[in-house]
Amino acid sequence: MDRLWTPWRYQYISEAGGGKTSTESNPCVFCSLRDSDSDEHNFVLFRAHHNFVVLNLYPYTSGHLLIVPFVHTADLDQASKESTDEMMDLAKGCQTILRETYNPHGFNLGMNLGRSAGAGVADHIHLHVLPRWTGDANFMTTTGETRVLPEDLPTTYNKLHKHFAAFPLHQPLL
């Protein structure tokens, strides 16, 4: 079996998000985003009825999106059907937008549920949507422990936001 070592991820898990649970002194980052009215500053691309779409602040690739339910829960099986149905509709819409914007060779979609599963924010579920390209895990990533991203988050936000602005707010996305 081959192994892909990603030591930079451990630093993020143990320090930047660490799977920490939210407390009064350390509020949930996603609930803070949900309650904020500074979407552009926070890189929130779209707000639907039950979820919002935001850029990942620690992206693996340009265009790394998160779909986050408004309701704070650590367990997928505790989320409402309406929320998870909408999450999947948003994932489909995100894939379409990312394909049109970045022309990737593939996609990763996934959730890390719980700290031991690698969740950076363990007490609020979220779905990752990542565009992928052949060779995007290159020498710099695997040996140099460094990600090379061709654009900054404001540039990514501006590229994608105009596409999300066309989403109907009161109808299924696809």
Protein backbone atom coordinates (compact mmCIF):
# COMPACT_ATOMS: atom_id res chain seq x y z
CA MET A 1 0.00 0.00 0.00
CA ASP A 2 1.29 3.47 -0.91
CA ARG A 3 1.06 6.23 1.67
CA LEU A 4 0.71 9.92 1.02
CA TRP A 5 2.16 11.79 3.98
CA THR A 6 0.65 15.21 4.65
CA PRO A 7 2.40 16.59 7.74
CA TRP A 8 1.18 20.15 7.13
CA ARG A 9 -2.39 18.92 7.76
CA TYR A 10 -1.49 17.73 11.27
CA GLN A 11 -0.32 21.21 12.22
CA TYR A 12 -3.67 22.64 11.11
CA ILE A 13 -5.65 19.96 12.91
CA SER A 14 -3.69 20.33 16.15
CA GLU A 15 -3.40 24.12 16.16
CA ALA A 16 -5.52 26.14 13.73
CA GLY A 17 -8.80 24.31 14.18
CA GLY A 18 -7.68 21.32 16.13
CA GLY A 19 -11.09 19.76 16.22
CA LYS A 20 -11.80 22.16 19.04
CA THR A 21 -15.32 22.32 20.31
CA SER A 22 -16.91 25.71 20.62
CA THR A 23 -17.36 27.37 23.98
CA GLU A 24 -18.49 30.78 25.13
CA SER A 25 -14.90 32.00 25.01
CA ASN A 26 -14.20 30.14 21.74
CA PRO A 27 -17.36 30.41 19.60
CA CYS A 28 -17.96 28.15 16.62
CA VAL A 29 -16.32 29.67 13.54
CA PHE A 30 -19.20 28.55 11.32
CA CYS A 31 -21.87 29.96 13.64
CA SER A 32 -19.93 33.24 13.70
CA LEU A 33 -19.95 33.29 9.90
CA ARG A 34 -23.65 32.39 9.87
CA ASP A 35 -24.44 35.33 12.15
CA SER A 36 -22.18 37.87 10.44
CA ASP A 37 -23.39 40.36 7.86
CA SER A 38 -19.90 40.72 6.30
CA ASP A 39 -20.15 38.02 3.63
CA GLU A 40 -17.50 39.43 1.30
CA HIS A 41 -15.04 39.97 4.15
CA ASN A 42 -15.70 36.39 5.38
CA PHE A 43 -15.70 34.88 1.86
CA VAL A 44 -19.31 33.65 2.16
CA LEU A 45 -20.39 33.08 -1.44
CA PHE A 46 -24.02 32.11 -1.03
CA ARG A 47 -26.76 31.75 1.59
CA ALA A 48 -29.56 29.31 0.89
CA HIS A 49 -32.45 28.35 3.21
CA HIS A 50 -30.58 25.81 5.37
CA ASN A 51 -26.89 26.14 4.40
CA PHE A 52 -24.28 28.59 3.22
CA VAL A 53 -21.27 28.23 0.91
CA VAL A 54 -17.93 29.69 1.99
CA LEU A 55 -14.33 29.53 0.80
CA ASN A 56 -12.06 27.38 2.94
CA LEU A 57 -9.52 29.69 4.62
CA TYR A 58 -6.95 26.87 4.49
CA PRO A 59 -7.55 25.54 0.96
CA TYR A 60 -5.94 22.48 -0.54
CA THR A 61 -6.58 23.96 -4.00
CA SER A 62 -7.97 27.18 -5.44
CA GLY A 63 -11.75 26.98 -5.32
CA HIS A 64 -11.88 24.78 -2.17
CA LEU A 65 -15.44 25.37 -0.92
CA LEU A 66 -17.32 24.42 2.24
CA ILE A 67 -21.07 23.91 2.45
CA VAL A 68 -22.17 24.56 6.02
CA PRO A 69 -25.60 24.05 7.60
CA PHE A 70 -27.01 26.98 9.56
CA VAL A 71 -27.93 24.63 12.40
CA HIS A 72 -25.02 23.84 14.70
CA THR A 73 -24.59 20.06 14.91
CA ALA A 74 -21.61 17.72 15.03
CA ASP A 75 -23.51 14.76 13.59
CA LEU A 76 -24.75 14.31 10.04
CA ASP A 77 -27.50 12.00 11.27
CA GLN A 78 -28.86 14.84 13.44
CA ALA A 79 -29.19 17.28 10.52
CA SER A 80 -32.65 17.70 9.03
CA LYS A 81 -33.55 16.10 5.73
CA GLU A 82 -34.22 19.57 4.32
CA SER A 83 -30.73 20.66 5.29
CA THR A 84 -28.95 17.62 3.86
CA ASP A 85 -31.07 17.62 0.68
CA GLU A 86 -30.20 21.27 0.14
CA MET A 87 -26.54 20.52 0.93
CA MET A 88 -26.45 18.00 -1.92
CA ASP A 89 -28.19 20.43 -4.29
CA LEU A 90 -25.59 23.04 -3.34
CA ALA A 91 -22.77 20.52 -3.89
CA LYS A 92 -24.08 19.88 -7.40
CA GLY A 93 -24.30 23.60 -8.08
CA CYS A 94 -20.79 24.15 -6.67
CA GLN A 95 -19.42 21.43 -8.94
CA THR A 96 -20.99 23.12 -11.96
CA ILE A 97 -19.62 26.54 -11.02
CA LEU A 98 -16.14 25.20 -10.24
CA ARG A 99 -16.07 23.25 -13.51
CA GLU A 100 -17.06 26.35 -15.50
CA THR A 101 -14.62 28.61 -13.64
CA TYR A 102 -11.53 26.42 -13.21
CA ASN A 103 -11.90 23.50 -15.65
CA PRO A 104 -10.61 20.90 -13.14
CA HIS A 105 -9.88 17.28 -14.04
CA GLY A 106 -11.92 15.95 -11.11
CA PHE A 107 -13.47 16.72 -7.72
CA ASN A 108 -13.24 15.62 -4.11
CA LEU A 109 -16.37 15.91 -1.97
CA GLY A 110 -16.32 14.83 1.63
CA MET A 111 -16.92 15.31 5.32
CA ASN A 112 -14.70 14.62 8.31
CA LEU A 113 -17.04 13.87 11.21
CA GLY A 114 -15.33 14.14 14.58
CA ARG A 115 -11.84 15.03 15.69
CA SER A 116 -10.39 11.56 15.16
CA ALA A 117 -11.71 11.63 11.58
CA GLY A 118 -9.70 14.80 10.90
CA ALA A 119 -12.36 17.45 11.37
CA GLY A 120 -10.80 20.87 11.82
CA VAL A 121 -14.11 22.09 13.25
CA ALA A 122 -15.42 19.00 15.01
CA ASP A 123 -18.70 20.27 16.39
CA HIS A 124 -20.26 21.76 13.23
CA ILE A 125 -20.61 19.54 10.16
CA HIS A 126 -19.59 20.85 6.77
CA LEU A 127 -19.07 19.40 3.31
CA HIS A 128 -15.83 20.04 1.40
CA VAL A 129 -16.01 20.54 -2.37
CA LEU A 130 -12.56 20.63 -4.01
CA PRO A 131 -11.65 20.94 -7.65
CA ARG A 132 -8.65 18.72 -8.50
CA TRP A 133 -6.12 18.65 -11.31
CA THR A 134 -3.77 15.91 -12.41
CA GLY A 135 -0.48 16.60 -10.65
CA ASP A 136 -1.84 19.09 -8.09
CA ALA A 137 -0.10 17.11 -5.34
CA ASN A 138 3.37 17.86 -6.69
CA PHE A 139 6.89 18.09 -5.29
CA MET A 140 6.18 21.25 -3.29
CA THR A 141 3.20 19.63 -1.60
CA THR A 142 4.54 16.16 -0.93
CA THR A 143 8.18 16.90 -0.19
CA GLY A 144 8.36 20.60 0.62
CA GLU A 145 5.27 20.53 2.88
CA THR A 146 4.03 23.63 1.06
CA ARG A 147 0.90 24.27 -0.96
CA VAL A 148 1.25 26.39 -4.07
CA LEU A 149 -1.97 28.23 -4.83
CA PRO A 150 -2.06 30.38 -7.96
CA GLU A 151 -4.46 32.98 -6.53
CA ASP A 152 -5.38 34.56 -3.21
CA LEU A 153 -8.77 34.16 -1.51
CA PRO A 154 -10.17 37.56 -2.62
CA THR A 155 -9.42 36.65 -6.25
CA THR A 156 -11.10 33.25 -5.84
CA TYR A 157 -14.08 34.90 -4.13
CA ASN A 158 -14.51 37.42 -6.96
CA LYS A 159 -14.28 34.72 -9.63
CA LEU A 160 -16.92 32.55 -7.98
CA HIS A 161 -19.28 35.08 -6.37
CA LYS A 162 -20.71 36.31 -9.65
CA HIS A 163 -21.83 32.75 -10.46
CA PHE A 164 -23.51 32.27 -7.08
CA ALA A 165 -25.33 35.58 -7.48
CA ALA A 166 -27.36 33.92 -10.26
CA PHE A 167 -28.63 31.08 -8.02
CA PRO A 168 -32.38 31.23 -7.42
CA LEU A 169 -33.01 31.72 -3.70
CA HIS A 170 -36.38 30.01 -3.48
CA GLN A 171 -36.00 27.12 -5.91
CA PRO A 172 -33.84 24.00 -6.09
CA LEU A 173 -30.47 24.75 -7.68
CA LEU A 174 -30.57 21.94 -10.20
